[in-house]
PDB file of N, CA and C in Angstrom:
ATOM      1  N   MET A   1      24.900   7.827   5.126  1.00  0.00           N
ATOM      2  CA  MET A   1      25.360   7.667   3.877  1.00  0.00           C
ATOM      3  C   MET A   1      25.630   6.295   3.841  1.00  0.00           C
ATOM      4  N   ILE A   2      25.380   5.841   2.587  1.00  0.00           N
ATOM      5  CA  ILE A   2      25.304   4.535   2.040  1.00  0.00           C
ATOM      6  C   ILE A   2      26.577   3.779   2.307  1.00  0.00           C
ATOM      7  N   ASP A   3      26.874   2.504   2.373  1.00  0.00           N
ATOM      8  CA  ASP A   3      27.289   1.393   2.529  1.00  0.00           C
ATOM      9  C   ASP A   3      27.794   0.832   0.914  1.00  0.00           C
ATOM     10  N   THR A   4      28.425   1.547   0.625  1.00  0.00           N
ATOM     11  CA  THR A   4      28.553   0.788  -1.234  1.00  0.00           C
ATOM     12  C   THR A   4      28.904  -0.402  -1.221  1.00  0.00           C
ATOM     13  N   ILE A   5      29.672  -1.167  -0.352  1.00  0.00           N
ATOM     14  CA  ILE A   5      30.908  -1.859  -0.207  1.00  0.00           C
ATOM     15  C   ILE A   5      29.912  -2.770   0.234  1.00  0.00           C
ATOM     16  N   GLY A   6      29.181  -2.741   1.196  1.00  0.00           N
ATOM     17  CA  GLY A   6      28.485  -3.693   1.677  1.00  0.00           C
ATOM     18  C   GLY A   6      27.439  -4.060   0.884  1.00  0.00           C
ATOM     19  N   ARG A   7      26.688  -2.840   0.250  1.00  0.00           N
ATOM     20  CA  ARG A   7      25.442  -3.119  -0.631  1.00  0.00           C
ATOM     21  C   ARG A   7      26.014  -3.478  -1.607  1.00  0.00           C
ATOM     22  N   LEU A   8      27.246  -3.844  -2.230  1.00  0.00           N
ATOM     23  CA  LEU A   8      27.478  -4.678  -3.337  1.00  0.00           C
ATOM     24  C   LEU A   8      27.650  -6.131  -2.964  1.00  0.00           C
ATOM     25  N   TYR A   9      28.228  -6.477  -1.614  1.00  0.00           N
ATOM     26  CA  TYR A   9      28.742  -7.914  -1.193  1.00  0.00           C
ATOM     27  C   TYR A   9      27.321  -8.285  -1.256  1.00  0.00           C
ATOM     28  N   GLU A  10      26.197  -7.378  -0.077  1.00  0.00           N
ATOM     29  CA  GLU A  10      24.614  -7.796  -0.243  1.00  0.00           C
ATOM     30  C   GLU A  10      23.651  -8.064  -1.885  1.00  0.00           C
ATOM     31  N   LEU A  11      24.569  -7.345  -3.127  1.00  0.00           N
ATOM     32  CA  LEU A  11      23.702  -8.069  -4.218  1.00  0.00           C
ATOM     33  C   LEU A  11      24.728  -9.110  -4.850  1.00  0.00           C
ATOM     34  N   ILE A  12      25.922  -9.014  -4.356  1.00  0.00           N
ATOM     35  CA  ILE A  12      26.636 -10.431  -5.137  1.00  0.00           C
ATOM     36  C   ILE A  12      25.785 -12.014  -4.405  1.00  0.00           C
ATOM     37  N   GLU A  13      25.566 -11.862  -3.116  1.00  0.00           N
ATOM     38  CA  GLU A  13      24.967 -12.731  -2.241  1.00  0.00           C
ATOM     39  C   GLU A  13      23.888 -13.207  -2.744  1.00  0.00           C
ATOM     40  N   LYS A  14      22.868 -12.093  -3.039  1.00  0.00           N
ATOM     41  CA  LYS A  14      21.672 -12.074  -3.752  1.00  0.00           C
ATOM     42  C   LYS A  14      21.379 -12.924  -4.591  1.00  0.00           C
ATOM     43  N   ASN A  15      22.316 -12.416  -5.636  1.00  0.00           N
ATOM     44  CA  ASN A  15      22.463 -12.770  -7.055  1.00  0.00           C
ATOM     45  C   ASN A  15      23.281 -14.366  -7.231  1.00  0.00           C
ATOM     46  N   HIS A  16      23.592 -14.957  -5.985  1.00  0.00           N
ATOM     47  CA  HIS A  16      24.392 -15.921  -6.370  1.00  0.00           C
ATOM     48  C   HIS A  16      25.821 -15.898  -7.444  1.00  0.00           C
ATOM     49  N   LEU A  17      26.332 -14.885  -7.039  1.00  0.00           N
ATOM     50  CA  LEU A  17      27.857 -14.417  -7.475  1.00  0.00           C
ATOM     51  C   LEU A  17      28.547 -14.277  -6.380  1.00  0.00           C
ATOM     52  N   THR A  18      30.296 -14.382  -7.518  1.00  0.00           N
ATOM     53  CA  THR A  18      31.289 -14.066  -6.206  1.00  0.00           C
ATOM     54  C   THR A  18      31.524 -13.011  -6.985  1.00  0.00           C
ATOM     55  N   LEU A  19      32.378 -12.334  -5.838  1.00  0.00           N
ATOM     56  CA  LEU A  19      33.403 -11.007  -6.162  1.00  0.00           C
ATOM     57  C   LEU A  19      34.019 -11.049  -7.441  1.00  0.00           C
ATOM     58  N   SER A  20      35.159 -12.072  -7.466  1.00  0.00           N
ATOM     59  CA  SER A  20      35.971 -12.684  -8.386  1.00  0.00           C
ATOM     60  C   SER A  20      35.125 -12.492  -9.710  1.00  0.00           C
ATOM     61  N   GLY A  21      33.892 -13.419  -9.603  1.00  0.00           N
ATOM     62  CA  GLY A  21      33.183 -13.708 -11.306  1.00  0.00           C
ATOM     63  C   GLY A  21      32.545 -12.768 -11.490  1.00  0.00           C
ATOM     64  N   LEU A  22      31.962 -11.399 -10.640  1.00  0.00           N
ATOM     65  CA  LEU A  22      31.400  -9.887 -11.064  1.00  0.00           C
ATOM     66  C   LEU A  22      32.236  -9.105 -11.387  1.00  0.00           C
ATOM     67  N   CYS A  23      33.931  -8.882 -10.487  1.00  0.00           N
ATOM     68  CA  CYS A  23      34.245  -8.825 -11.125  1.00  0.00           C
ATOM     69  C   CYS A  23      34.938  -8.888 -12.495  1.00  0.00           C
ATOM     70  N   ASP A  24      34.897 -10.181 -13.259  1.00  0.00           N
ATOM     71  CA  ASP A  24      34.928 -10.455 -14.425  1.00  0.00           C
ATOM     72  C   ASP A  24      34.634 -10.155 -15.228  1.00  0.00           C
ATOM     73  N   ILE A  25      33.121 -10.143 -14.948  1.00  0.00           N
ATOM     74  CA  ILE A  25      31.996  -9.755 -16.389  1.00  0.00           C
ATOM     75  C   ILE A  25      31.514  -8.506 -16.098  1.00  0.00           C
ATOM     76  N   SER A  26      32.249  -7.715 -15.228  1.00  0.00           N
ATOM     77  CA  SER A  26      32.027  -6.441 -14.813  1.00  0.00           C
ATOM     78  C   SER A  26      33.518  -5.585 -15.410  1.00  0.00           C
ATOM     79  N   GLY A  27      34.145  -6.056 -15.622  1.00  0.00           N
ATOM     80  CA  GLY A  27      35.699  -5.171 -16.213  1.00  0.00           C
ATOM     81  C   GLY A  27      36.091  -4.453 -15.055  1.00  0.00           C
ATOM     82  N   VAL A  28      35.937  -4.721 -13.500  1.00  0.00           N
ATOM     83  CA  VAL A  28      36.627  -4.197 -12.491  1.00  0.00           C
ATOM     84  C   VAL A  28      37.605  -4.987 -11.909  1.00  0.00           C
ATOM     85  N   ASN A  29      39.026  -4.377 -11.409  1.00  0.00           N
ATOM     86  CA  ASN A  29      39.708  -4.842 -10.833  1.00  0.00           C
ATOM     87  C   ASN A  29      39.177  -5.334  -9.711  1.00  0.00           C
ATOM     88  N   ARG A  30      39.361  -6.540  -9.038  1.00  0.00           N
ATOM     89  CA  ARG A  30      39.142  -7.299  -7.512  1.00  0.00           C
ATOM     90  C   ARG A  30      39.627  -6.101  -6.893  1.00  0.00           C
ATOM     91  N   SER A  31      40.668  -5.487  -7.416  1.00  0.00           N
ATOM     92  CA  SER A  31      42.128  -4.743  -6.092  1.00  0.00           C
ATOM     93  C   SER A  31      40.823  -3.671  -5.571  1.00  0.00           C
ATOM     94  N   THR A  32      40.115  -3.365  -6.479  1.00  0.00           N
ATOM     95  CA  THR A  32      39.535  -2.392  -6.690  1.00  0.00           C
ATOM     96  C   THR A  32      38.246  -2.160  -5.301  1.00  0.00           C
ATOM     97  N   VAL A  33      37.710  -3.388  -4.657  1.00  0.00           N
ATOM     98  CA  VAL A  33      36.599  -3.487  -3.938  1.00  0.00           C
ATOM     99  C   VAL A  33      37.420  -3.722  -2.703  1.00  0.00           C
ATOM    100  N   THR A  34      38.635  -4.511  -2.701  1.00  0.00           N
ATOM    101  CA  THR A  34      39.661  -4.899  -1.563  1.00  0.00           C
ATOM    102  C   THR A  34      40.231  -3.558  -1.067  1.00  0.00           C
ATOM    103  N   SER A  35      41.155  -3.028  -1.765  1.00  0.00           N
ATOM    104  CA  SER A  35      41.566  -1.534  -1.264  1.00  0.00           C
ATOM    105  C   SER A  35      40.549  -0.661  -0.274  1.00  0.00           C
ATOM    106  N   ALA A  36      39.153  -0.772  -1.115  1.00  0.00           N
ATOM    107  CA  ALA A  36      37.825   0.591  -0.686  1.00  0.00           C
ATOM    108  C   ALA A  36      37.587  -0.293   0.596  1.00  0.00           C
ATOM    109  N   ARG A  37      37.579  -1.736   0.674  1.00  0.00           N
ATOM    110  CA  ARG A  37      36.754  -2.111   1.490  1.00  0.00           C
ATOM    111  C   ARG A  37      37.826  -2.136   3.054  1.00  0.00           C
ATOM    112  N   ARG A  38      39.456  -2.429   2.856  1.00  0.00           N
ATOM    113  CA  ARG A  38      40.359  -2.165   3.869  1.00  0.00           C
ATOM    114  C   ARG A  38      40.490  -1.066   4.504  1.00  0.00           C
ATOM    115  N   ARG A  39      40.003   0.583   3.301  1.00  0.00           N
ATOM    116  CA  ARG A  39      40.498   1.256   4.393  1.00  0.00           C
ATOM    117  C   ARG A  39      39.013   2.027   4.553  1.00  0.00           C
ATOM    118  N   ASN A  40      37.950   1.203   4.619  1.00  0.00           N
ATOM    119  CA  ASN A  40      36.643   1.331   5.213  1.00  0.00           C
ATOM    120  C   ASN A  40      36.406   2.962   3.864  1.00  0.00           C
ATOM    121  N   GLY A  41      36.545   2.617   2.612  1.00  0.00           N
ATOM    122  CA  GLY A  41      35.924   3.481   1.474  1.00  0.00           C
ATOM    123  C   GLY A  41      34.803   3.478   1.047  1.00  0.00           C
ATOM    124  N   GLN A  42      34.695   4.259  -0.225  1.00  0.00           N
ATOM    125  CA  GLN A  42      33.315   3.819  -1.052  1.00  0.00           C
ATOM    126  C   GLN A  42      34.093   3.371  -1.927  1.00  0.00           C
ATOM    127  N   LEU A  43      32.939   3.039  -3.115  1.00  0.00           N
ATOM    128  CA  LEU A  43      33.017   2.657  -4.792  1.00  0.00           C
ATOM    129  C   LEU A  43      32.553   4.120  -5.082  1.00  0.00           C
ATOM    130  N   THR A  44      33.331   4.233  -5.967  1.00  0.00           N
ATOM    131  CA  THR A  44      32.987   5.532  -6.938  1.00  0.00           C
ATOM    132  C   THR A  44      31.574   5.302  -8.147  1.00  0.00           C
ATOM    133  N   VAL A  45      31.083   6.035  -8.367  1.00  0.00           N
ATOM    134  CA  VAL A  45      29.518   5.943  -9.090  1.00  0.00           C
ATOM    135  C   VAL A  45      30.170   5.523 -10.472  1.00  0.00           C
ATOM    136  N   ASP A  46      31.169   5.136 -10.804  1.00  0.00           N
ATOM    137  CA  ASP A  46      31.612   5.211 -12.308  1.00  0.00           C
ATOM    138  C   ASP A  46      31.837   3.444 -11.746  1.00  0.00           C
ATOM    139  N   THR A  47      32.541   3.027 -10.886  1.00  0.00           N
ATOM    140  CA  THR A  47      32.508   1.378 -10.314  1.00  0.00           C
ATOM    141  C   THR A  47      30.899   0.867 -10.389  1.00  0.00           C
ATOM    142  N   ILE A  48      30.419   1.715  -9.700  1.00  0.00           N
ATOM    143  CA  ILE A  48      29.475   1.247  -9.035  1.00  0.00           C
ATOM    144  C   ILE A  48      28.492   0.830 -10.248  1.00  0.00           C
ATOM    145  N   GLU A  49      28.270   1.832 -11.202  1.00  0.00           N
ATOM    146  CA  GLU A  49      27.655   1.640 -12.674  1.00  0.00           C
ATOM    147  C   GLU A  49      27.968   0.179 -13.646  1.00  0.00           C
ATOM    148  N   ARG A  50      29.480  -0.015 -13.336  1.00  0.00           N
ATOM    149  CA  ARG A  50      30.344  -1.555 -14.161  1.00  0.00           C
ATOM    150  C   ARG A  50      29.729  -2.557 -13.495  1.00  0.00           C
ATOM    151  N   PHE A  51      29.524  -2.755 -12.158  1.00  0.00           N
ATOM    152  CA  PHE A  51      29.470  -3.429 -11.255  1.00  0.00           C
ATOM    153  C   PHE A  51      27.466  -3.864 -11.867  1.00  0.00           C
ATOM    154  N   CYS A  52      26.853  -2.417 -12.226  1.00  0.00           N
ATOM    155  CA  CYS A  52      25.451  -2.893 -12.270  1.00  0.00           C
ATOM    156  C   CYS A  52      24.958  -3.385 -13.827  1.00  0.00           C
ATOM    157  N   ASP A  53      26.011  -2.770 -14.545  1.00  0.00           N
ATOM    158  CA  ASP A  53      26.180  -3.346 -15.691  1.00  0.00           C
ATOM    159  C   ASP A  53      26.540  -4.789 -15.982  1.00  0.00           C
ATOM    160  N   GLY A  54      27.117  -5.142 -15.063  1.00  0.00           N
ATOM    161  CA  GLY A  54      27.874  -6.734 -15.203  1.00  0.00           C
ATOM    162  C   GLY A  54      26.364  -7.292 -14.415  1.00  0.00           C
ATOM    163  N   MET A  55      25.248  -6.966 -13.910  1.00  0.00           N
ATOM    164  CA  MET A  55      24.383  -7.861 -12.897  1.00  0.00           C
ATOM    165  C   MET A  55      23.006  -7.237 -13.980  1.00  0.00           C
ATOM    166  N   ASN A  56      23.638  -6.930 -14.941  1.00  0.00           N
ATOM    167  CA  ASN A  56      22.192  -6.251 -15.965  1.00  0.00           C
ATOM    168  C   ASN A  56      21.135  -5.999 -14.940  1.00  0.00           C
ATOM    169  N   MET A  57      21.743  -4.851 -14.225  1.00  0.00           N
ATOM    170  CA  MET A  57      20.662  -3.947 -13.594  1.00  0.00           C
ATOM    171  C   MET A  57      20.288  -2.608 -13.262  1.00  0.00           C
ATOM    172  N   PRO A  58      19.805  -1.680 -13.036  1.00  0.00           N
ATOM    173  CA  PRO A  58      19.642  -0.174 -13.715  1.00  0.00           C
ATOM    174  C   PRO A  58      20.595   0.215 -12.297  1.00  0.00           C
ATOM    175  N   ILE A  59      21.475   1.302 -12.468  1.00  0.00           N
ATOM    176  CA  ILE A  59      21.568   1.874 -11.211  1.00  0.00           C
ATOM    177  C   ILE A  59      20.862   2.375 -10.002  1.00  0.00           C
ATOM    178  N   LYS A  60      19.888   2.797  -9.941  1.00  0.00           N
ATOM    179  CA  LYS A  60      18.465   3.323  -9.494  1.00  0.00           C
ATOM    180  C   LYS A  60      18.768   2.502  -8.225  1.00  0.00           C
ATOM    181  N   ASP A  61      18.379   0.305  -9.020  1.00  0.00           N
ATOM    182  CA  ASP A  61      18.254  -0.599  -8.163  1.00  0.00           C
ATOM    183  C   ASP A  61      19.456  -0.720  -7.082  1.00  0.00           C
ATOM    184  N   PHE A  62      20.300   0.214  -7.157  1.00  0.00           N
ATOM    185  CA  PHE A  62      21.657   0.169  -6.117  1.00  0.00           C
ATOM    186  C   PHE A  62      21.549   0.802  -4.916  1.00  0.00           C
ATOM    187  N   PHE A  63      21.000   1.650  -5.795  1.00  0.00           N
ATOM    188  CA  PHE A  63      20.574   2.669  -3.916  1.00  0.00           C
ATOM    189  C   PHE A  63      19.510   2.313  -3.680  1.00  0.00           C
ATOM    190  N   ASP A  64      18.406   1.564  -4.438  1.00  0.00           N
ATOM    191  CA  ASP A  64      17.166   1.919  -3.661  1.00  0.00           C
ATOM    192  C   ASP A  64      16.609   0.166  -3.220  1.00  0.00           C
ATOM    193  N   PHE A  65      17.386  -0.323  -2.105  1.00  0.00           N
ATOM    194  CA  PHE A  65      17.620  -1.280  -1.256  1.00  0.00           C
ATOM    195  C   PHE A  65      16.182  -0.838   0.149  1.00  0.00           C
ATOM    196  N   GLY A  66      15.319   0.291  -0.248  1.00  0.00           N
ATOM    197  CA  GLY A  66      14.273   0.133   0.835  1.00  0.00           C
ATOM    198  C   GLY A  66      13.185  -0.766   0.959  1.00  0.00           C
ATOM    199  N   SER A  67      12.881  -1.007  -0.740  1.00  0.00           N
ATOM    200  CA  SER A  67      11.935  -1.861  -0.944  1.00  0.00           C
ATOM    201  C   SER A  67      12.657  -3.378  -0.540  1.00  0.00           C
ATOM    202  N   GLU A  68      13.531  -3.432  -0.615  1.00  0.00           N
ATOM    203  CA  GLU A  68      13.976  -4.783   0.389  1.00  0.00           C
ATOM    204  C   GLU A  68      13.897  -5.147   1.675  1.00  0.00           C
ATOM    205  N   ASN A  69      14.655  -3.852   2.327  1.00  0.00           N
ATOM    206  CA  ASN A  69      14.488  -3.805   3.860  1.00  0.00           C
ATOM    207  C   ASN A  69      12.816  -3.946   4.509  1.00  0.00           C
ATOM    208  N   GLN A  70      11.835  -3.248   3.357  1.00  0.00           N
ATOM    209  CA  GLN A  70      10.385  -3.391   3.908  1.00  0.00           C
ATOM    210  C   GLN A  70      10.190  -4.897   3.943  1.00  0.00           C
ATOM    211  N   GLU A  71       9.824  -5.079   2.499  1.00  0.00           N
ATOM    212  CA  GLU A  71       9.931  -6.901   2.268  1.00  0.00           C
ATOM    213  C   GLU A  71      10.278  -7.633   3.674  1.00  0.00           C
ATOM    214  N   ALA A  72      11.728  -7.578   4.236  1.00  0.00           N
ATOM    215  CA  ALA A  72      12.121  -8.360   5.110  1.00  0.00           C
ATOM    216  C   ALA A  72      11.360  -8.325   6.644  1.00  0.00           C
ATOM    217  N   ASN A  73      10.925  -6.751   6.625  1.00  0.00           N
ATOM    218  CA  ASN A  73      10.702  -6.609   7.991  1.00  0.00           C
ATOM    219  C   ASN A  73       9.017  -7.259   7.820  1.00  0.00           C
ATOM    220  N   ASN A  74       8.410  -7.176   7.043  1.00  0.00           N
ATOM    221  CA  ASN A  74       6.722  -7.615   6.741  1.00  0.00           C
ATOM    222  C   ASN A  74       6.965  -9.116   6.651  1.00  0.00           C
ATOM    223  N   ALA A  75       7.789  -9.786   6.262  1.00  0.00           N
ATOM    224  CA  ALA A  75       8.221 -11.316   6.400  1.00  0.00           C
ATOM    225  C   ALA A  75       8.317 -11.218   8.263  1.00  0.00           C
ATOM    226  N   LYS A  76       8.869 -10.582   9.001  1.00  0.00           N
ATOM    227  CA  LYS A  76       9.615 -11.253  10.283  1.00  0.00           C
ATOM    228  C   LYS A  76       8.218 -10.433  11.005  1.00  0.00           C
ATOM    229  N   ARG A  77       6.923  -9.866  10.952  1.00  0.00           N
ATOM    230  CA  ARG A  77       5.949  -9.272  10.901  1.00  0.00           C
ATOM    231  C   ARG A  77       5.372 -10.967  11.073  1.00  0.00           C
ATOM    232  N   GLN A  78       5.194 -11.415  10.071  1.00  0.00           N
ATOM    233  CA  GLN A  78       4.246 -12.515   9.878  1.00  0.00           C
ATOM    234  C   GLN A  78       4.119 -14.173  10.858  1.00  0.00           C
TER     235      GLN A  78
END
């Protein structure tokens, strides 16, 4: 299972954003993320889509982090 909350925080860091800033531009209440995180829940596809719109990225990129992991593994080997 994909950790959607963890993935969101990875993208926030990668894009030099804050949760509050991303929530503002995405129109998502910050409490949506913080409550899901507290209860070890997941984000809905609708919420993920809104965050992706706010970051100007296709939703498929949210779920396509294998290439990022591959790049990191290649860098470690060198």
